[in-house]
Amino acid sequence: MTADRIPLSRAELAGLLTDTAERISGIVTAEYPTPAGRSYLHPVLGPLAAGPPVIGELNDLLEEFFGEPLPATPAGLFTLASYASALGWLTESLAELTTSVDQICTRAGLPTTPPPDPGSVPPGDAEPTEPGFRFSALELAAIRTAAEAAGLTPGGYVDVLSQSLLAASRITDACAEISSGLGEDAKYVLDEVTDRVRLGDGPGSLPTLVRSLLARMEAAE
């Protein structure tokens, strides 16, 4: 855009953050057709497929709304900080999801390792077992059927499915936190009646997502 573009109103800025929150929330509810032989990947395939297009769209919007020149109003700068934090957090979370899926595929013997020979499986791996937990006969039958379709032992199938569910839980939590932060920041931008927003040196002067990211960084140290 050119230097004479009209600054976005508070309502438009808040709407941008709200729309972004909805796009990110949609990642975790996306569905992707999963073949029976890869059913253990079903929890992660939807987010894995939906995430990159959303990141591409958000990058395009970043250029469209916050390219040169940068916003000159406090509300615009506040919105830019929130939006950029959301995009960075989402990108990092999807990269972690991709890594997790790669590890799951490796554990399952994809794509180069042939399916294990059921006759060579150690007895301890023949059935899924968890300390203090028992599968019902119906659940065991379903696990055996799914494991056979995937070329895995029942215990191996439960292992990779558990990892898949864990990865899905992590991306779900991340998207929920990002969307919630965007919603809080959108409300602040929209409801603030003066032109003074939280810009300063203190932690209370920053957008919700920026403060969340700083807290995560401090916790990781």
C-alpha atoms as a PDB file:
ATOM      1  CA  MET A   1       0.000   0.000   0.000  1.00  0.00           C
ATOM      2  CA  THR A   2       1.044   3.608  -0.440  1.00  0.00           C
ATOM      3  CA  ALA A   3       1.961   6.096   2.259  1.00  0.00           C
ATOM      4  CA  ASP A   4      -1.378   7.934   1.924  1.00  0.00           C
ATOM      5  CA  ARG A   5      -3.549   4.987   2.945  1.00  0.00           C
ATOM      6  CA  ILE A   6      -6.276   5.694   5.471  1.00  0.00           C
ATOM      7  CA  PRO A   7      -5.564   4.312   8.979  1.00  0.00           C
ATOM      8  CA  LEU A   8      -7.928   1.591  10.130  1.00  0.00           C
ATOM      9  CA  SER A   9     -10.550   2.574  12.670  1.00  0.00           C
ATOM     10  CA  ARG A  10     -10.671   0.969  16.102  1.00  0.00           C
ATOM     11  CA  ALA A  11     -13.628  -1.144  14.983  1.00  0.00           C
ATOM     12  CA  GLU A  12     -11.688  -2.342  11.922  1.00  0.00           C
ATOM     13  CA  LEU A  13      -8.603  -3.130  14.006  1.00  0.00           C
ATOM     14  CA  ALA A  14     -10.673  -5.051  16.554  1.00  0.00           C
ATOM     15  CA  GLY A  15     -12.453  -6.864  13.738  1.00  0.00           C
ATOM     16  CA  LEU A  16      -9.117  -7.902  12.248  1.00  0.00           C
ATOM     17  CA  LEU A  17      -8.027  -9.444  15.552  1.00  0.00           C
ATOM     18  CA  THR A  18     -11.397 -11.147  16.013  1.00  0.00           C
ATOM     19  CA  ASP A  19     -11.333 -12.600  12.493  1.00  0.00           C
ATOM     20  CA  THR A  20      -7.792 -13.825  13.076  1.00  0.00           C
ATOM     21  CA  ALA A  21      -8.878 -15.538  16.292  1.00  0.00           C
ATOM     22  CA  GLU A  22     -11.660 -17.326  14.400  1.00  0.00           C
ATOM     23  CA  ARG A  23      -9.288 -18.471  11.648  1.00  0.00           C
ATOM     24  CA  ILE A  24      -6.904 -19.907  14.217  1.00  0.00           C
ATOM     25  CA  SER A  25      -9.712 -21.607  16.153  1.00  0.00           C
ATOM     26  CA  GLY A  26     -10.788 -23.303  12.943  1.00  0.00           C
ATOM     27  CA  ILE A  27      -7.449 -25.061  12.601  1.00  0.00           C
ATOM     28  CA  VAL A  28      -8.150 -27.517  15.406  1.00  0.00           C
ATOM     29  CA  THR A  29     -11.611 -28.436  14.120  1.00  0.00           C
ATOM     30  CA  ALA A  30     -10.473 -29.075  10.547  1.00  0.00           C
ATOM     31  CA  GLU A  31     -11.048 -32.566   9.229  1.00  0.00           C
ATOM     32  CA  TYR A  32      -8.842 -34.519   6.847  1.00  0.00           C
ATOM     33  CA  PRO A  33      -9.653 -37.884   5.256  1.00  0.00           C
ATOM     34  CA  THR A  34      -7.549 -40.526   6.968  1.00  0.00           C
ATOM     35  CA  PRO A  35      -6.973 -43.952   5.382  1.00  0.00           C
ATOM     36  CA  ALA A  36      -7.577 -46.942   7.640  1.00  0.00           C
ATOM     37  CA  GLY A  37      -3.904 -47.843   7.483  1.00  0.00           C
ATOM     38  CA  ARG A  38      -2.975 -44.498   9.057  1.00  0.00           C
ATOM     39  CA  SER A  39      -5.867 -44.107  11.486  1.00  0.00           C
ATOM     40  CA  TYR A  40      -3.488 -43.326  14.352  1.00  0.00           C
ATOM     41  CA  LEU A  41      -2.694 -40.024  12.585  1.00  0.00           C
ATOM     42  CA  HIS A  42      -6.327 -38.913  12.473  1.00  0.00           C
ATOM     43  CA  PRO A  43      -6.048 -36.561  15.507  1.00  0.00           C
ATOM     44  CA  VAL A  44      -3.286 -34.505  13.865  1.00  0.00           C
ATOM     45  CA  LEU A  45      -3.964 -34.617  10.132  1.00  0.00           C
ATOM     46  CA  GLY A  46      -6.692 -31.946  10.205  1.00  0.00           C
ATOM     47  CA  PRO A  47      -4.575 -29.298  11.981  1.00  0.00           C
ATOM     48  CA  LEU A  48      -1.515 -30.343   9.985  1.00  0.00           C
ATOM     49  CA  ALA A  49      -3.348 -29.741   6.702  1.00  0.00           C
ATOM     50  CA  ALA A  50      -5.276 -26.619   7.761  1.00  0.00           C
ATOM     51  CA  GLY A  51      -2.454 -24.812   9.557  1.00  0.00           C
ATOM     52  CA  PRO A  52      -0.110 -23.817   6.705  1.00  0.00           C
ATOM     53  CA  PRO A  53      -2.852 -22.191   4.557  1.00  0.00           C
ATOM     54  CA  VAL A  54      -3.974 -20.147   7.560  1.00  0.00           C
ATOM     55  CA  ILE A  55      -0.419 -18.991   8.181  1.00  0.00           C
ATOM     56  CA  GLY A  56      -0.133 -18.018   4.514  1.00  0.00           C
ATOM     57  CA  GLU A  57      -3.354 -16.017   4.698  1.00  0.00           C
ATOM     58  CA  LEU A  58      -2.293 -14.277   7.901  1.00  0.00           C
ATOM     59  CA  ASN A  59       1.078 -13.381   6.402  1.00  0.00           C
ATOM     60  CA  ASP A  60      -0.703 -11.820   3.427  1.00  0.00           C
ATOM     61  CA  LEU A  61      -2.974  -9.842   5.740  1.00  0.00           C
ATOM     62  CA  LEU A  62       0.031  -8.687   7.725  1.00  0.00           C
ATOM     63  CA  GLU A  63       1.493  -7.196   4.565  1.00  0.00           C
ATOM     64  CA  GLU A  64      -1.856  -5.740   3.528  1.00  0.00           C
ATOM     65  CA  PHE A  65      -2.770  -4.021   6.771  1.00  0.00           C
ATOM     66  CA  PHE A  66       0.581  -3.425   8.457  1.00  0.00           C
ATOM     67  CA  GLY A  67       3.048  -2.988   5.600  1.00  0.00           C
ATOM     68  CA  GLU A  68       4.895   0.230   4.872  1.00  0.00           C
ATOM     69  CA  PRO A  69       4.245   2.674   6.322  1.00  0.00           C
ATOM     70  CA  LEU A  70       3.763   1.161   9.754  1.00  0.00           C
ATOM     71  CA  PRO A  71       0.694   2.179  11.760  1.00  0.00           C
ATOM     72  CA  ALA A  72       1.105   5.597  13.337  1.00  0.00           C
ATOM     73  CA  THR A  73      -1.648   5.459  15.968  1.00  0.00           C
ATOM     74  CA  PRO A  74      -1.332   3.800  19.390  1.00  0.00           C
ATOM     75  CA  ALA A  75      -4.287   1.525  18.569  1.00  0.00           C
ATOM     76  CA  GLY A  76      -2.678   0.502  15.280  1.00  0.00           C
ATOM     77  CA  LEU A  77       0.669  -0.271  16.906  1.00  0.00           C
ATOM     78  CA  PHE A  78      -1.047  -2.184  19.688  1.00  0.00           C
ATOM     79  CA  THR A  79      -2.963  -4.260  17.133  1.00  0.00           C
ATOM     80  CA  LEU A  80       0.186  -4.904  15.113  1.00  0.00           C
ATOM     81  CA  ALA A  81       2.002  -6.194  18.210  1.00  0.00           C
ATOM     82  CA  SER A  82      -0.887  -8.528  19.065  1.00  0.00           C
ATOM     83  CA  TYR A  83      -1.277  -9.767  15.483  1.00  0.00           C
ATOM     84  CA  ALA A  84       2.446 -10.373  14.961  1.00  0.00           C
ATOM     85  CA  SER A  85       2.693 -12.230  18.278  1.00  0.00           C
ATOM     86  CA  ALA A  86      -0.226 -14.462  17.306  1.00  0.00           C
ATOM     87  CA  LEU A  87       1.304 -15.229  13.922  1.00  0.00           C
ATOM     88  CA  GLY A  88       4.700 -16.029  15.410  1.00  0.00           C
ATOM     89  CA  TRP A  89       3.224 -18.229  18.130  1.00  0.00           C
ATOM     90  CA  LEU A  90       1.053 -20.097  15.639  1.00  0.00           C
ATOM     91  CA  THR A  91       3.985 -20.643  13.282  1.00  0.00           C
ATOM     92  CA  GLU A  92       6.095 -22.045  16.114  1.00  0.00           C
ATOM     93  CA  SER A  93       3.279 -24.322  17.304  1.00  0.00           C
ATOM     94  CA  LEU A  94       2.689 -25.742  13.828  1.00  0.00           C
ATOM     95  CA  ALA A  95       6.409 -26.349  13.408  1.00  0.00           C
ATOM     96  CA  GLU A  96       6.334 -28.331  16.650  1.00  0.00           C
ATOM     97  CA  LEU A  97       3.300 -30.255  15.390  1.00  0.00           C
ATOM     98  CA  THR A  98       5.129 -31.129  12.166  1.00  0.00           C
ATOM     99  CA  THR A  99       8.102 -32.388  14.166  1.00  0.00           C
ATOM    100  CA  SER A 100       5.810 -34.486  16.345  1.00  0.00           C
ATOM    101  CA  VAL A 101       4.113 -36.027  13.316  1.00  0.00           C
ATOM    102  CA  ASP A 102       7.498 -36.873  11.816  1.00  0.00           C
ATOM    103  CA  GLN A 103       8.448 -38.619  15.060  1.00  0.00           C
ATOM    104  CA  ILE A 104       5.154 -40.520  15.127  1.00  0.00           C
ATOM    105  CA  CYS A 105       5.704 -41.700  11.570  1.00  0.00           C
ATOM    106  CA  THR A 106       9.202 -42.828  12.481  1.00  0.00           C
ATOM    107  CA  ARG A 107       7.868 -44.796  15.454  1.00  0.00           C
ATOM    108  CA  ALA A 108       5.267 -46.370  13.190  1.00  0.00           C
ATOM    109  CA  GLY A 109       7.894 -47.372  10.662  1.00  0.00           C
ATOM    110  CA  LEU A 110       6.952 -44.863   7.974  1.00  0.00           C
ATOM    111  CA  PRO A 111       7.832 -44.510   5.243  1.00  0.00           C
ATOM    112  CA  THR A 112      10.799 -46.848   4.827  1.00  0.00           C
ATOM    113  CA  THR A 113      10.474 -49.463   7.569  1.00  0.00           C
ATOM    114  CA  PRO A 114       8.288 -52.449   6.607  1.00  0.00           C
ATOM    115  CA  PRO A 115       5.456 -53.506   8.940  1.00  0.00           C
ATOM    116  CA  PRO A 116       6.640 -55.765  11.757  1.00  0.00           C
ATOM    117  CA  ASP A 117       6.199 -59.495  11.467  1.00  0.00           C
ATOM    118  CA  PRO A 118       3.516 -60.413  14.017  1.00  0.00           C
ATOM    119  CA  GLY A 119       5.295 -63.704  14.664  1.00  0.00           C
ATOM    120  CA  SER A 120       8.458 -61.903  15.745  1.00  0.00           C
ATOM    121  CA  VAL A 121       6.821 -59.504  18.208  1.00  0.00           C
ATOM    122  CA  PRO A 122       7.932 -59.991  21.812  1.00  0.00           C
ATOM    123  CA  PRO A 123       5.077 -61.211  24.044  1.00  0.00           C
ATOM    124  CA  GLY A 124       5.139 -57.980  26.037  1.00  0.00           C
ATOM    125  CA  ASP A 125       4.225 -55.999  22.922  1.00  0.00           C
ATOM    126  CA  ALA A 126       1.419 -58.265  21.818  1.00  0.00           C
ATOM    127  CA  GLU A 127      -1.348 -56.370  23.632  1.00  0.00           C
ATOM    128  CA  PRO A 128      -1.607 -52.740  24.747  1.00  0.00           C
ATOM    129  CA  THR A 129      -1.192 -52.429  28.484  1.00  0.00           C
ATOM    130  CA  GLU A 130      -1.219 -49.434  30.792  1.00  0.00           C
ATOM    131  CA  PRO A 131      -0.509 -49.559  34.547  1.00  0.00           C
ATOM    132  CA  GLY A 132      -3.807 -49.443  36.413  1.00  0.00           C
ATOM    133  CA  PHE A 133      -5.869 -49.361  33.228  1.00  0.00           C
ATOM    134  CA  ARG A 134      -7.695 -52.093  31.331  1.00  0.00           C
ATOM    135  CA  PHE A 135      -9.288 -51.992  27.903  1.00  0.00           C
ATOM    136  CA  SER A 136     -12.684 -53.584  27.503  1.00  0.00           C
ATOM    137  CA  ALA A 137     -13.067 -56.548  25.185  1.00  0.00           C
ATOM    138  CA  LEU A 138     -14.774 -54.297  22.630  1.00  0.00           C
ATOM    139  CA  GLU A 139     -11.968 -51.730  22.809  1.00  0.00           C
ATOM    140  CA  LEU A 140      -9.329 -54.431  22.452  1.00  0.00           C
ATOM    141  CA  ALA A 141     -11.078 -55.794  19.394  1.00  0.00           C
ATOM    142  CA  ALA A 142     -11.190 -52.321  17.822  1.00  0.00           C
ATOM    143  CA  ILE A 143      -7.499 -51.775  18.610  1.00  0.00           C
ATOM    144  CA  ARG A 144      -6.537 -55.112  17.086  1.00  0.00           C
ATOM    145  CA  THR A 145      -8.501 -54.315  13.920  1.00  0.00           C
ATOM    146  CA  ALA A 146      -6.974 -50.839  13.577  1.00  0.00           C
ATOM    147  CA  ALA A 147      -3.486 -52.153  14.350  1.00  0.00           C
ATOM    148  CA  GLU A 148      -3.788 -54.882  11.737  1.00  0.00           C
ATOM    149  CA  ALA A 149      -4.837 -52.329   9.102  1.00  0.00           C
ATOM    150  CA  ALA A 150      -1.847 -50.192  10.021  1.00  0.00           C
ATOM    151  CA  GLY A 151       0.613 -53.101  10.016  1.00  0.00           C
ATOM    152  CA  LEU A 152       1.389 -52.606  13.708  1.00  0.00           C
ATOM    153  CA  THR A 153       1.110 -54.638  16.864  1.00  0.00           C
ATOM    154  CA  PRO A 154      -1.754 -53.597  19.167  1.00  0.00           C
ATOM    155  CA  GLY A 155       0.740 -52.233  21.674  1.00  0.00           C
ATOM    156  CA  GLY A 156       2.612 -50.337  18.972  1.00  0.00           C
ATOM    157  CA  TYR A 157      -0.639 -48.921  17.648  1.00  0.00           C
ATOM    158  CA  VAL A 158      -1.665 -47.614  21.056  1.00  0.00           C
ATOM    159  CA  ASP A 159       1.794 -46.080  21.439  1.00  0.00           C
ATOM    160  CA  VAL A 160       1.657 -44.046  18.227  1.00  0.00           C
ATOM    161  CA  LEU A 161      -2.003 -43.146  18.728  1.00  0.00           C
ATOM    162  CA  SER A 162      -1.177 -41.833  22.196  1.00  0.00           C
ATOM    163  CA  GLN A 163       1.601 -39.691  20.745  1.00  0.00           C
ATOM    164  CA  SER A 164      -0.779 -38.417  18.088  1.00  0.00           C
ATOM    165  CA  LEU A 165      -3.408 -37.487  20.674  1.00  0.00           C
ATOM    166  CA  LEU A 166      -0.766 -35.708  22.743  1.00  0.00           C
ATOM    167  CA  ALA A 167       0.401 -33.679  19.741  1.00  0.00           C
ATOM    168  CA  ALA A 168      -3.210 -32.808  18.904  1.00  0.00           C
ATOM    169  CA  SER A 169      -3.759 -31.686  22.488  1.00  0.00           C
ATOM    170  CA  ARG A 170      -0.731 -29.385  22.349  1.00  0.00           C
ATOM    171  CA  ILE A 171      -1.787 -27.638  19.121  1.00  0.00           C
ATOM    172  CA  THR A 172      -5.350 -27.363  20.445  1.00  0.00           C
ATOM    173  CA  ASP A 173      -4.130 -25.699  23.646  1.00  0.00           C
ATOM    174  CA  ALA A 174      -1.887 -23.328  21.696  1.00  0.00           C
ATOM    175  CA  CYS A 175      -4.641 -22.286  19.290  1.00  0.00           C
ATOM    176  CA  ALA A 176      -7.062 -21.799  22.175  1.00  0.00           C
ATOM    177  CA  GLU A 177      -4.621 -19.565  24.052  1.00  0.00           C
ATOM    178  CA  ILE A 178      -3.754 -17.550  20.937  1.00  0.00           C
ATOM    179  CA  SER A 179      -7.420 -17.078  20.034  1.00  0.00           C
ATOM    180  CA  SER A 180      -8.302 -16.083  23.581  1.00  0.00           C
ATOM    181  CA  GLY A 181      -5.486 -13.522  23.677  1.00  0.00           C
ATOM    182  CA  LEU A 182      -6.552 -12.053  20.350  1.00  0.00           C
ATOM    183  CA  GLY A 183     -10.102 -11.780  21.659  1.00  0.00           C
ATOM    184  CA  GLU A 184      -8.963  -9.930  24.772  1.00  0.00           C
ATOM    185  CA  ASP A 185      -6.834  -7.553  22.722  1.00  0.00           C
ATOM    186  CA  ALA A 186      -9.671  -6.933  20.263  1.00  0.00           C
ATOM    187  CA  LYS A 187     -11.996  -6.048  23.143  1.00  0.00           C
ATOM    188  CA  TYR A 188      -9.415  -3.644  24.562  1.00  0.00           C
ATOM    189  CA  VAL A 189      -8.905  -1.899  21.224  1.00  0.00           C
ATOM    190  CA  LEU A 190     -12.646  -1.602  20.665  1.00  0.00           C
ATOM    191  CA  ASP A 191     -13.674  -0.558  24.170  1.00  0.00           C
ATOM    192  CA  GLU A 192     -10.919   1.954  24.926  1.00  0.00           C
ATOM    193  CA  VAL A 193     -12.680   5.313  24.610  1.00  0.00           C
ATOM    194  CA  THR A 194      -9.560   7.482  24.505  1.00  0.00           C
ATOM    195  CA  ASP A 195      -6.652   7.241  22.094  1.00  0.00           C
ATOM    196  CA  ARG A 196      -4.367   6.013  24.852  1.00  0.00           C
ATOM    197  CA  VAL A 197      -3.722   2.304  24.874  1.00  0.00           C
ATOM    198  CA  ARG A 198      -1.322   0.167  26.865  1.00  0.00           C
ATOM    199  CA  LEU A 199       1.980   1.275  25.387  1.00  0.00           C
ATOM    200  CA  GLY A 200       4.884   1.565  27.792  1.00  0.00           C
ATOM    201  CA  ASP A 201       7.597  -0.327  29.626  1.00  0.00           C
ATOM    202  CA  GLY A 202       5.535  -2.232  32.193  1.00  0.00           C
ATOM    203  CA  PRO A 203       4.028  -5.697  31.605  1.00  0.00           C
ATOM    204  CA  GLY A 204       0.545  -4.194  31.877  1.00  0.00           C
ATOM    205  CA  SER A 205       1.332  -1.926  28.940  1.00  0.00           C
ATOM    206  CA  LEU A 206       1.601  -4.738  26.405  1.00  0.00           C
ATOM    207  CA  PRO A 207      -0.978  -6.741  24.437  1.00  0.00           C
ATOM    208  CA  THR A 208      -2.169  -9.957  26.050  1.00  0.00           C
ATOM    209  CA  LEU A 209      -0.308 -12.179  23.581  1.00  0.00           C
ATOM    210  CA  VAL A 210       2.959 -10.303  24.004  1.00  0.00           C
ATOM    211  CA  ARG A 211       2.741 -10.698  27.764  1.00  0.00           C
ATOM    212  CA  SER A 212       1.896 -14.396  27.364  1.00  0.00           C
ATOM    213  CA  LEU A 213       4.901 -14.965  25.131  1.00  0.00           C
ATOM    214  CA  LEU A 214       7.214 -13.143  27.556  1.00  0.00           C
ATOM    215  CA  ALA A 215       5.890 -15.315  30.388  1.00  0.00           C
ATOM    216  CA  ARG A 216       6.544 -18.484  28.348  1.00  0.00           C
ATOM    217  CA  MET A 217      10.088 -17.336  27.598  1.00  0.00           C
ATOM    218  CA  GLU A 218      10.768 -16.643  31.267  1.00  0.00           C
ATOM    219  CA  ALA A 219       9.356 -20.032  32.252  1.00  0.00           C
ATOM    220  CA  ALA A 220      11.616 -21.781  29.719  1.00  0.00           C
ATOM    221  CA  GLU A 221      14.785 -20.188  31.098  1.00  0.00           C
END
